[in-house]
Amino acid sequence: MRSRGGSRRARAEWAEARAGWTATLGWATTVTAWVTTLVGAGPVEPVTAQESGALPIIALERVTVSADTIQLGDRFELRLDVRLAPGGVAYLPDSIAGAGFEPFGPVRWESGDPRDDSGIRLTIVYPLIAFDVGDVALPAFELYAAARDESVRAGMVDEEAVVGRFDAFVENVSLAPSARMLAVPGRTIQVVSVLHLEDMEYGIAPRPAADVAGGNRSWPATGLAVVFACVLLGVGTASIREYAARRAMEPTPAVSPRVTALAALDELLASDLLARGRIRDFFERSSSTARRFVESMDDAWDPSWTGSELADGLARRSPVDSTPLREEIATAEVVKFGGERPEPEAAVAHAHRLREWIASRGSDA
């Protein structure tokens, strides 16, 4: 059973199809008028009544429909088998339309061997689709044929083609005095509804929503789903805990004392201690950084050692000159424990000298 909205859409589609078919019928009417004028007074005679061999003859052999009964919205085909005399060219309407059906594509054709002396057999197929229920009449329409030499001169067909351009034929039919018309009889097909008889009798209603939240459910399936969810949750929790424990047990990469000392001096140089006049704090931090770096070289050296003792121990341990370290630590201790306060530029130079010495001790750290 179709809704009113569906009927309106069908009528709108039919209106568009009818407009196109009206234009096609207009072409056919024009061509028929020209052929009638060229042949003589009165209607055009059927091709079977024309004198044999005098003009290119197109003869209809068979008209079939792919199915006599189809469902609403199904596609079907109107198939024509025609015989075209040697030296003739056929002209076919691009599509056909009528009440209850419309074209589902342009016309297609296949041709036999053109060298056959009995003529060329054309199989013509019009793809259609039905959109109305009941008896649907396929209307009668016309095919046309003309001599090849006239068609080629008029530019209505390619050199080797057996089917010409229908629009060019309509415009230049006066240039083809041999043009003839072939009437194709109409056919009727039965279009049935896609609904069952009981649906049409009792009406169609949407199904109620499935009960997915209330008590009308499959409890075994629900219990199984809950068990699976609990298992997945347990497995996920255990995996996360195991991963976290494994990460906690991984050793933290050790940072060398040399890298630590260089970073501390860089931080000291970037600080604002000198800008605020805290010269003593600046030297205290530089001295502590240098001492911690030297103490890391030997477990026997500890914070109780003086700067001179550390420098002497370093000199005994390594052949590298420790004089710069001794001088810079001595300078820092004088500032820490005495009253000397160097200029900020001298303090910065002191930190840079310490940094250069520590950077050069990479193999010892």
Protein backbone atom coordinates (compact mmCIF):
# COMPACT_ATOMS: atom_id res chain seq x y z
CA MET A 1 0.00 0.00 0.00
CA ARG A 2 1.63 3.28 -1.08
CA SER A 3 1.49 6.41 1.10
CA ARG A 4 0.17 9.71 -0.19
CA GLY A 5 3.71 11.11 -0.08
CA GLY A 6 4.84 8.22 -2.28
CA SER A 7 1.98 8.94 -4.72
CA ARG A 8 2.97 12.59 -4.90
CA ARG A 9 6.57 11.67 -5.64
CA ALA A 10 5.44 9.19 -8.28
CA ARG A 11 3.23 11.82 -9.90
CA ALA A 12 6.11 14.32 -9.85
CA GLU A 13 8.45 11.76 -11.44
CA TRP A 14 5.80 10.89 -14.01
CA ALA A 15 5.38 14.59 -14.82
CA GLU A 16 9.11 14.87 -15.56
CA ALA A 17 9.10 11.67 -17.60
CA ARG A 18 5.99 12.78 -19.48
CA ALA A 19 7.67 16.11 -20.31
CA GLY A 20 10.66 14.25 -21.79
CA TRP A 21 8.40 11.82 -23.63
CA THR A 22 6.33 14.71 -24.98
CA ALA A 23 9.51 16.17 -26.45
CA THR A 24 10.34 12.78 -27.99
CA LEU A 25 6.82 12.48 -29.38
CA GLY A 26 7.22 15.97 -30.81
CA TRP A 27 10.29 14.79 -32.70
CA ALA A 28 8.42 11.73 -33.90
CA THR A 29 5.52 13.88 -35.09
CA THR A 30 7.91 16.14 -36.99
CA VAL A 31 9.66 13.17 -38.61
CA THR A 32 6.31 11.57 -39.52
CA ALA A 33 5.18 14.80 -41.17
CA TRP A 34 8.38 15.01 -43.22
CA VAL A 35 8.18 11.38 -44.29
CA THR A 36 4.53 11.79 -45.22
CA THR A 37 5.39 14.80 -47.39
CA LEU A 38 8.28 13.00 -49.08
CA VAL A 39 6.39 9.82 -49.86
CA GLY A 40 3.26 11.51 -51.04
CA ALA A 41 -0.19 12.49 -49.89
CA GLY A 42 -1.82 10.52 -47.11
CA PRO A 43 -0.33 8.54 -44.27
CA VAL A 44 2.96 6.67 -44.60
CA GLU A 45 2.45 3.09 -45.68
CA PRO A 46 3.70 0.28 -43.46
CA VAL A 47 7.13 -0.88 -44.50
CA THR A 48 5.76 -4.34 -45.30
CA ALA A 49 3.58 -2.83 -48.04
CA GLN A 50 6.40 -0.91 -49.74
CA GLU A 51 7.85 -2.16 -52.95
CA SER A 52 10.68 -4.57 -52.30
CA GLY A 53 14.19 -3.24 -52.94
CA ALA A 54 13.07 0.24 -53.96
CA LEU A 55 14.00 1.91 -50.67
CA PRO A 56 15.80 0.95 -47.44
CA ILE A 57 13.25 -1.15 -45.58
CA ILE A 58 13.16 -1.67 -41.85
CA ALA A 59 10.99 -4.61 -40.77
CA LEU A 60 9.83 -5.55 -37.28
CA GLU A 61 10.36 -9.26 -36.53
CA ARG A 62 9.48 -9.53 -32.85
CA VAL A 63 8.46 -7.43 -29.80
CA THR A 64 8.96 -8.93 -26.32
CA VAL A 65 8.94 -7.77 -22.73
CA SER A 66 11.35 -9.28 -20.20
CA ALA A 67 8.42 -10.14 -17.88
CA ASP A 68 4.65 -9.92 -18.25
CA THR A 69 4.15 -9.50 -14.48
CA ILE A 70 6.52 -7.53 -12.28
CA GLN A 71 6.51 -5.97 -8.82
CA LEU A 72 6.23 -2.26 -8.16
CA GLY A 73 9.61 -0.60 -8.60
CA ASP A 74 11.09 -3.49 -10.60
CA ARG A 75 13.12 -2.88 -13.71
CA PHE A 76 12.15 -4.51 -16.98
CA GLU A 77 13.07 -4.31 -20.66
CA LEU A 78 11.21 -3.85 -23.93
CA ARG A 79 13.11 -5.77 -26.60
CA LEU A 80 12.69 -5.31 -30.36
CA ASP A 81 14.13 -7.50 -33.10
CA VAL A 82 14.16 -5.65 -36.45
CA ARG A 83 15.63 -6.37 -39.87
CA LEU A 84 17.35 -3.49 -41.68
CA ALA A 85 17.86 -3.83 -45.43
CA PRO A 86 21.43 -3.55 -46.82
CA GLY A 87 22.47 0.08 -47.27
CA GLY A 88 20.05 1.33 -44.61
CA VAL A 89 20.50 3.19 -41.33
CA ALA A 90 18.08 2.98 -38.39
CA TYR A 91 17.06 5.91 -36.17
CA LEU A 92 15.79 5.07 -32.69
CA PRO A 93 14.17 7.32 -30.06
CA ASP A 94 16.49 7.63 -27.06
CA SER A 95 13.82 6.44 -24.63
CA ILE A 96 10.10 5.82 -24.20
CA ALA A 97 7.81 6.71 -21.29
CA GLY A 98 4.17 6.49 -20.38
CA ALA A 99 1.67 6.26 -17.54
CA GLY A 100 2.97 4.06 -14.72
CA PHE A 101 6.52 3.59 -16.01
CA GLU A 102 9.54 5.61 -17.06
CA PRO A 103 12.96 5.08 -18.71
CA PHE A 104 15.72 3.57 -16.63
CA GLY A 105 18.43 4.48 -19.10
CA PRO A 106 19.00 5.21 -22.79
CA VAL A 107 18.24 2.77 -25.56
CA ARG A 108 20.79 0.01 -26.28
CA TRP A 109 21.24 -2.04 -29.43
CA GLU A 110 23.30 -4.83 -30.92
CA SER A 111 23.75 -5.49 -34.62
CA GLY A 112 24.46 -8.65 -36.57
CA ASP A 113 26.93 -9.09 -39.42
CA PRO A 114 26.45 -6.11 -41.81
CA ARG A 115 27.73 -8.19 -44.73
CA ASP A 116 24.68 -10.46 -44.62
CA ASP A 117 22.87 -10.05 -47.98
CA SER A 118 19.50 -10.48 -46.28
CA GLY A 119 20.05 -7.36 -44.25
CA ILE A 120 21.24 -6.41 -40.80
CA ARG A 121 19.46 -7.72 -37.73
CA LEU A 122 19.19 -5.21 -34.89
CA THR A 123 18.30 -6.14 -31.32
CA ILE A 124 17.01 -3.00 -29.60
CA VAL A 125 16.50 -2.80 -25.83
CA TYR A 126 14.67 -0.06 -23.88
CA PRO A 127 15.34 -0.34 -20.09
CA LEU A 128 12.26 0.70 -18.09
CA ILE A 129 11.02 0.83 -14.48
CA ALA A 130 7.44 0.65 -13.18
CA PHE A 131 6.07 2.96 -10.49
CA ASP A 132 2.31 2.26 -10.60
CA VAL A 133 0.22 -0.80 -9.69
CA GLY A 134 -2.15 -2.50 -12.14
CA ASP A 135 -2.19 -2.82 -15.89
CA VAL A 136 0.52 -0.60 -17.35
CA ALA A 137 0.31 0.06 -21.10
CA LEU A 138 3.50 0.50 -23.07
CA PRO A 139 2.45 2.90 -25.85
CA ALA A 140 3.04 2.39 -29.53
CA PHE A 141 5.90 4.40 -31.03
CA GLU A 142 7.87 4.65 -34.25
CA LEU A 143 11.33 3.74 -35.53
CA TYR A 144 12.78 5.21 -38.72
CA ALA A 145 15.20 4.20 -41.45
CA ALA A 146 16.89 5.97 -44.36
CA ALA A 147 19.48 5.26 -47.03
CA ARG A 148 23.09 5.32 -45.81
CA ASP A 149 24.45 7.58 -48.57
CA GLU A 150 21.80 10.22 -47.84
CA SER A 151 22.39 9.90 -44.07
CA VAL A 152 26.15 10.29 -44.42
CA ARG A 153 25.81 13.35 -46.65
CA ALA A 154 23.39 14.93 -44.18
CA GLY A 155 25.77 14.23 -41.25
CA MET A 156 23.21 12.07 -39.43
CA VAL A 157 25.36 8.94 -39.03
CA ASP A 158 28.99 7.89 -38.74
CA GLU A 159 30.58 6.17 -41.72
CA GLU A 160 30.37 2.56 -40.43
CA ALA A 161 27.43 2.83 -37.99
CA VAL A 162 24.11 1.09 -38.56
CA VAL A 163 22.23 3.34 -36.09
CA GLY A 164 22.24 7.08 -36.66
CA ARG A 165 21.72 10.06 -34.35
CA PHE A 166 18.01 10.51 -33.76
CA ASP A 167 18.22 14.26 -32.98
CA ALA A 168 20.18 14.90 -36.20
CA PHE A 169 17.61 12.87 -38.14
CA VAL A 170 14.79 15.02 -36.74
CA GLU A 171 16.56 18.22 -37.76
CA ASN A 172 17.65 17.05 -41.24
CA VAL A 173 14.95 14.63 -42.30
CA SER A 174 14.29 16.75 -45.39
CA LEU A 175 17.75 15.75 -46.63
CA ALA A 176 16.78 12.05 -46.62
CA PRO A 177 13.96 11.49 -49.15
CA SER A 178 14.28 7.72 -48.61
CA ALA A 179 13.22 7.98 -44.96
CA ARG A 180 10.64 5.42 -43.86
CA MET A 181 8.73 4.89 -40.62
CA LEU A 182 8.18 1.60 -38.73
CA ALA A 183 5.33 1.47 -36.18
CA VAL A 184 6.01 -0.56 -33.02
CA PRO A 185 2.78 -1.83 -31.42
CA GLY A 186 2.09 -1.24 -27.75
CA ARG A 187 2.18 -3.89 -25.04
CA THR A 188 0.58 -4.28 -21.61
CA ILE A 189 2.23 -5.61 -18.46
CA GLN A 190 0.87 -6.34 -14.99
CA VAL A 191 2.48 -4.51 -12.05
CA VAL A 192 1.70 -5.95 -8.62
CA SER A 193 2.26 -4.43 -5.20
CA VAL A 194 5.20 -5.48 -3.03
CA LEU A 195 2.76 -5.87 -0.09
CA HIS A 196 1.05 -9.12 0.77
CA LEU A 197 -2.70 -9.44 0.55
CA GLU A 198 -3.15 -9.57 4.34
CA ASP A 199 -1.04 -6.42 4.72
CA MET A 200 -3.26 -4.60 2.27
CA GLU A 201 -6.43 -5.93 3.97
CA TYR A 202 -5.53 -5.24 7.61
CA GLY A 203 -3.15 -2.35 7.12
CA ILE A 204 0.47 -1.93 8.04
CA ALA A 205 1.68 -0.78 11.46
CA PRO A 206 5.25 -0.39 12.71
CA ARG A 207 6.52 -3.01 15.12
CA PRO A 208 6.81 -1.95 18.78
CA ALA A 209 10.23 -1.16 20.15
CA ALA A 210 12.10 -4.16 21.54
CA ASP A 211 12.17 -4.40 25.35
CA VAL A 212 15.87 -3.99 26.16
CA ALA A 213 15.58 -2.37 29.61
CA GLY A 214 12.59 -4.09 31.22
CA GLY A 215 11.98 -7.59 32.47
CA ASN A 216 11.04 -9.03 29.09
CA ARG A 217 14.52 -10.17 28.19
CA SER A 218 16.63 -13.33 27.98
CA TRP A 219 18.05 -13.60 31.49
CA PRO A 220 20.58 -16.36 30.64
CA ALA A 221 22.01 -14.19 27.88
CA THR A 222 22.05 -11.17 30.21
CA GLY A 223 23.86 -13.16 32.93
CA LEU A 224 26.40 -14.42 30.42
CA ALA A 225 27.05 -10.87 29.23
CA VAL A 226 27.58 -9.70 32.85
CA VAL A 227 30.05 -12.57 33.48
CA PHE A 228 32.01 -11.70 30.36
CA ALA A 229 32.08 -8.03 31.36
CA CYS A 230 33.41 -8.90 34.83
CA VAL A 231 36.10 -11.14 33.34
CA LEU A 232 37.20 -8.43 30.94
CA LEU A 233 37.27 -5.87 33.76
CA GLY A 234 39.37 -8.18 35.95
CA VAL A 235 41.83 -8.95 33.18
CA GLY A 236 42.17 -5.26 32.34
CA THR A 237 42.74 -4.28 35.98
CA ALA A 238 45.38 -6.98 36.49
CA SER A 239 47.18 -5.98 33.30
CA ILE A 240 47.30 -2.33 34.34
CA ARG A 241 48.64 -3.19 37.81
CA GLU A 242 51.30 -5.49 36.37
CA TYR A 243 52.40 -2.82 33.92
CA ALA A 244 52.61 -0.19 36.68
CA ALA A 245 54.66 -2.52 38.92
CA ARG A 246 57.02 -3.34 36.07
CA ARG A 247 57.56 0.33 35.37
CA ALA A 248 58.25 1.03 39.06
CA MET A 249 60.94 -1.66 39.15
CA GLU A 250 62.78 -0.28 36.17
CA PRO A 251 65.94 1.54 37.33
CA THR A 252 66.06 5.25 36.76
CA PRO A 253 68.87 6.15 34.37
CA ALA A 254 71.78 7.52 36.41
CA VAL A 255 72.93 11.07 35.71
CA SER A 256 76.69 11.54 35.84
CA PRO A 257 78.12 13.97 38.47
CA ARG A 258 79.71 15.94 35.64
CA VAL A 259 76.34 16.55 33.95
CA THR A 260 74.79 17.44 37.32
CA ALA A 261 77.56 19.93 38.10
CA LEU A 262 77.38 21.59 34.68
CA ALA A 263 73.58 21.94 34.97
CA ALA A 264 73.96 23.46 38.46
CA LEU A 265 76.47 26.04 37.20
CA ASP A 266 74.25 26.91 34.24
CA GLU A 267 71.34 27.44 36.62
CA LEU A 268 73.57 29.61 38.85
CA LEU A 269 74.65 31.79 35.92
CA ALA A 270 71.01 32.22 34.88
CA SER A 271 69.90 33.23 38.39
CA ASP A 272 69.39 36.80 39.62
CA LEU A 273 71.69 36.54 42.68
CA LEU A 274 74.22 38.97 41.25
CA ALA A 275 71.52 41.41 40.16
CA ARG A 276 70.23 41.49 43.73
CA GLY A 277 73.73 41.95 45.16
CA ARG A 278 73.95 38.53 46.79
CA ILE A 279 77.59 37.97 45.87
CA ARG A 280 78.32 35.73 48.87
CA ASP A 281 75.43 33.36 48.03
CA PHE A 282 76.65 33.15 44.43
CA PHE A 283 80.16 32.06 45.46
CA GLU A 284 78.80 29.69 48.11
CA ARG A 285 76.74 27.83 45.49
CA SER A 286 79.64 27.72 42.99
CA SER A 287 81.99 26.32 45.65
CA SER A 288 79.47 23.71 46.78
CA THR A 289 78.92 22.57 43.19
CA ALA A 290 82.65 22.16 42.58
CA ARG A 291 83.16 20.29 45.89
CA ARG A 292 80.31 17.84 45.24
CA PHE A 293 81.75 17.11 41.80
CA VAL A 294 85.22 16.34 43.21
CA GLU A 295 83.81 14.31 46.14
CA SER A 296 81.98 12.05 43.68
CA MET A 297 85.30 10.84 42.28
CA ASP A 298 86.36 9.00 45.47
CA ASP A 299 84.25 7.58 48.31
CA ALA A 300 86.99 8.55 50.81
CA TRP A 301 86.49 12.22 50.11
CA ASP A 302 83.67 13.76 52.12
CA PRO A 303 82.38 17.25 53.01
CA SER A 304 84.77 17.49 55.99
CA TRP A 305 87.75 17.90 53.66
CA THR A 306 88.89 21.41 52.89
CA GLY A 307 89.17 22.70 49.39
CA SER A 308 92.97 22.42 49.47
CA GLU A 309 92.75 18.80 50.66
CA LEU A 310 90.36 17.95 47.87
CA ALA A 311 92.66 19.59 45.30
CA ASP A 312 95.68 17.68 46.67
CA GLY A 313 93.78 14.38 46.62
CA LEU A 314 92.67 15.04 43.08
CA ALA A 315 96.26 15.82 42.05
CA ARG A 316 97.44 12.49 43.48
CA ARG A 317 94.60 10.60 41.82
CA SER A 318 94.82 12.10 38.32
CA PRO A 319 97.62 13.63 36.30
CA VAL A 320 95.30 16.40 35.09
CA ASP A 321 96.26 19.81 36.47
CA SER A 322 94.03 20.68 39.45
CA THR A 323 95.44 24.17 39.92
CA PRO A 324 92.39 25.94 38.39
CA LEU A 325 90.13 24.10 40.82
CA ARG A 326 92.34 24.99 43.78
CA GLU A 327 92.38 28.69 42.80
CA GLU A 328 88.64 28.95 42.20
CA ILE A 329 87.72 27.14 45.45
CA ALA A 330 90.13 29.35 47.36
CA THR A 331 88.54 32.46 45.83
CA ALA A 332 85.07 31.23 46.74
CA GLU A 333 86.09 30.45 50.36
CA VAL A 334 87.57 33.91 50.80
CA VAL A 335 84.25 35.42 49.72
CA LYS A 336 82.22 33.01 51.90
CA PHE A 337 84.23 33.41 55.09
CA GLY A 338 85.75 36.86 54.61
CA GLY A 339 84.60 40.30 53.73
CA GLU A 340 85.74 40.44 50.09
CA ARG A 341 82.94 41.07 47.58
CA PRO A 342 84.11 40.91 43.92
CA GLU A 343 82.29 42.73 41.12
CA PRO A 344 79.49 40.80 39.35
CA GLU A 345 81.67 40.50 36.22
CA ALA A 346 84.41 38.80 38.25
CA ALA A 347 81.86 36.43 39.79
CA VAL A 348 80.54 35.44 36.37
CA ALA A 349 84.10 34.84 35.11
CA HIS A 350 84.78 32.71 38.20
CA ALA A 351 81.71 30.50 37.44
CA HIS A 352 82.70 30.15 33.79
CA ARG A 353 86.24 29.04 34.73
CA LEU A 354 84.82 26.42 37.08
CA ARG A 355 82.47 25.21 34.37
CA GLU A 356 85.25 24.91 31.78
CA TRP A 357 87.39 22.89 34.20
CA ILE A 358 84.52 20.52 35.09
CA ALA A 359 83.63 20.08 31.40
CA SER A 360 87.21 19.05 30.67
CA ARG A 361 87.07 16.31 33.34
CA GLY A 362 84.62 14.10 31.50
CA SER A 363 86.80 10.95 31.70
CA ASP A 364 87.20 11.24 35.49
CA ALA A 365 83.52 11.78 36.38
